[in-house]
Amino acid sequence: MSDKSEKTEQPRLSVFKTYKLYVGGKFPRSESGRVYEVTDAQGRWLANAPQSSRKDARDAVVAARKAFGGWAGATAYNRGQILYRVAEMLEGRRGQFAREVADAEGLSKSRAAAVVDATIDRWVWYAGWTDKIAQVVGGGNPVAGPYFNLSSPEPTGVVTVLAPQDSSFLGLVSVVAPVIATGNTAVVIASERSPLPALSLGEVLATSDLPGGVVNVLSGRTAEIAAPLASHQDVNAIDLAGADEALAKELEIAAADNLKRVLRPQPVDDWAATPGIDRMTAFLETKTVWHPTGSLGASGSAY
């Protein structure tokens, strides 16, 4: 006989998530007030994502520039610690990201989980490079003359990153992590079709030790957001990973106005493959210092 005192379970109201931009360490709605529908691989509605405007793009550049000095001036070891902390936070939200990746890319649960694991591993991989890249691409140069000649890498500055359209999380991290690992700050345009993992990544970054403004995440129409960023005079470089050939050519022409560094789209067969260091060196400048040596007496030897 059932216990009549037992309360009947009441259905609860579903709480839909409101996705927002991530700019300057905060979560603003789009300045325009616009949103657009995001659907899964079968066309089912998932959420409304903010549709960024030109003003949102300009605000993101201001935030990235403000954060650049402190981030570039931090020690490489400290940047590595912060990036590893982001990986720890991602590990704690594996389930959420697996669901979002499965919906975004039409993957099975097990396959989506594997993609998330690879993404976290990729973030750890770049965290480990922060204090090693200088030894690989810098060092002493042999010169004819009484000089020390030393070259060392320095970050380029504010980098606009067009995230890959077809790899909403692993591809995203594969283009964002190398930019900030080397001391740059980033304005990221999420995949237009599948922006939700990128917007959720902003929530992870906000609760890690990453200073606000180092990474800024915008969602919306890629071409609409990228155009003002490509011509923006305070953006130093642009990664066109998520642009098609026509858009890439248009943005490259716009970027030439202030001599931005431009990384054109590269075909990627497998985002899970070992990436190498090309995306880190693409947004590094080389500083070379000459210093006179001194004579050590009559022998003519020098130090």
Foldseek 3Di string as FASTA:
>chain_A
DDDPVDDDDDDDDDDADAFAWAAQLDGDAAPVNDWDFAFFPVRHTRYTYGAHAQVLLVRLLVLQQVCQVVLQPDALLVLLVLLLQLLVLLVVCLVVQLVLQCRHQVDDSVVSSVLSVLQSVLSNVLSVCSNPVQVVPWAWDDDPDQKTKTKGKGFQEEEEEEFAQNRQGLSRSNQLNLNSSRRYAYEYEGRANRPVSVSVSSVSSSPTPNRGSSYIYHYHDPLRNLQCVLQDLSHAAYEPQHPDPVSQVVSVVSNPVNDHQYHYHDDDPDSSPDDPNVSNVSRIDMDMDIGGWDADPPVRDTD
